[in-house]
Amino acid sequence: MKEVVMALIAGLVVGMLFRFLKLPLPAPPVFSAVVGVFGVYFGGVVLDWILKVIRH
């Protein structure tokens, strides 16, 4: 949980810095892109879980 909070804080700081410098945000501009990134990560986690279950 500590890593999640630290990642959120780092993201907030980077977002504020980019906005302050009037730069485009270094993140997907729409919610669907964020969901896609989560899907890629979650797919990898699910595959690891499936492979672990099959091997035992």
Protein backbone atom coordinates (compact mmCIF):
# COMPACT_ATOMS: atom_id res chain seq x y z
CA MET A 1 0.00 0.00 0.00
CA LYS A 2 2.94 2.29 0.69
CA GLU A 3 4.04 2.03 -2.96
CA VAL A 4 0.57 3.02 -4.16
CA VAL A 5 0.51 6.13 -1.96
CA MET A 6 4.05 7.09 -3.00
CA ALA A 7 3.16 6.61 -6.68
CA LEU A 8 0.08 8.78 -6.25
CA ILE A 9 2.09 11.53 -4.55
CA ALA A 10 4.78 11.37 -7.25
CA GLY A 11 2.11 11.56 -9.95
CA LEU A 12 0.47 14.56 -8.30
CA VAL A 13 3.79 16.39 -8.03
CA VAL A 14 4.68 15.66 -11.67
CA GLY A 15 1.21 16.71 -12.83
CA MET A 16 1.43 20.00 -10.92
CA LEU A 17 4.95 20.67 -12.21
CA PHE A 18 3.93 20.08 -15.82
CA ARG A 19 0.84 22.27 -15.43
CA PHE A 20 2.91 25.03 -13.76
CA LEU A 21 5.41 24.93 -16.64
CA LYS A 22 2.48 24.99 -19.11
CA LEU A 23 3.57 21.70 -20.67
CA PRO A 24 1.19 18.99 -21.89
CA LEU A 25 0.52 16.39 -19.23
CA PRO A 26 2.63 13.23 -19.67
CA ALA A 27 -0.39 10.96 -19.35
CA PRO A 28 -3.21 9.63 -21.52
CA PRO A 29 -5.76 12.42 -22.02
CA VAL A 30 -8.85 10.25 -21.73
CA PHE A 31 -10.16 7.82 -19.15
CA SER A 32 -10.37 4.96 -21.64
CA ALA A 33 -6.59 5.10 -22.15
CA VAL A 34 -6.05 4.82 -18.40
CA VAL A 35 -8.40 1.83 -18.30
CA GLY A 36 -6.44 0.27 -21.18
CA VAL A 37 -3.18 0.59 -19.27
CA PHE A 38 -4.83 -1.01 -16.24
CA GLY A 39 -6.12 -3.81 -18.49
CA VAL A 40 -2.62 -4.58 -19.76
CA TYR A 41 -1.29 -4.77 -16.20
CA PHE A 42 -4.25 -6.78 -14.92
CA GLY A 43 -3.96 -9.20 -17.86
CA GLY A 44 -0.37 -9.94 -16.89
CA VAL A 45 -1.35 -10.51 -13.27
CA VAL A 46 -4.20 -12.84 -14.27
CA LEU A 47 -1.91 -14.86 -16.57
CA ASP A 48 0.65 -15.23 -13.77
CA TRP A 49 -2.12 -16.47 -11.47
CA ILE A 50 -3.42 -18.94 -14.07
CA LEU A 51 0.06 -20.32 -14.70
CA LYS A 52 0.65 -20.68 -10.96
CA VAL A 53 -2.62 -22.62 -10.54
CA ILE A 54 -1.84 -24.91 -13.50
CA ARG A 55 1.67 -25.73 -12.25
CA HIS A 56 0.46 -26.81 -8.81
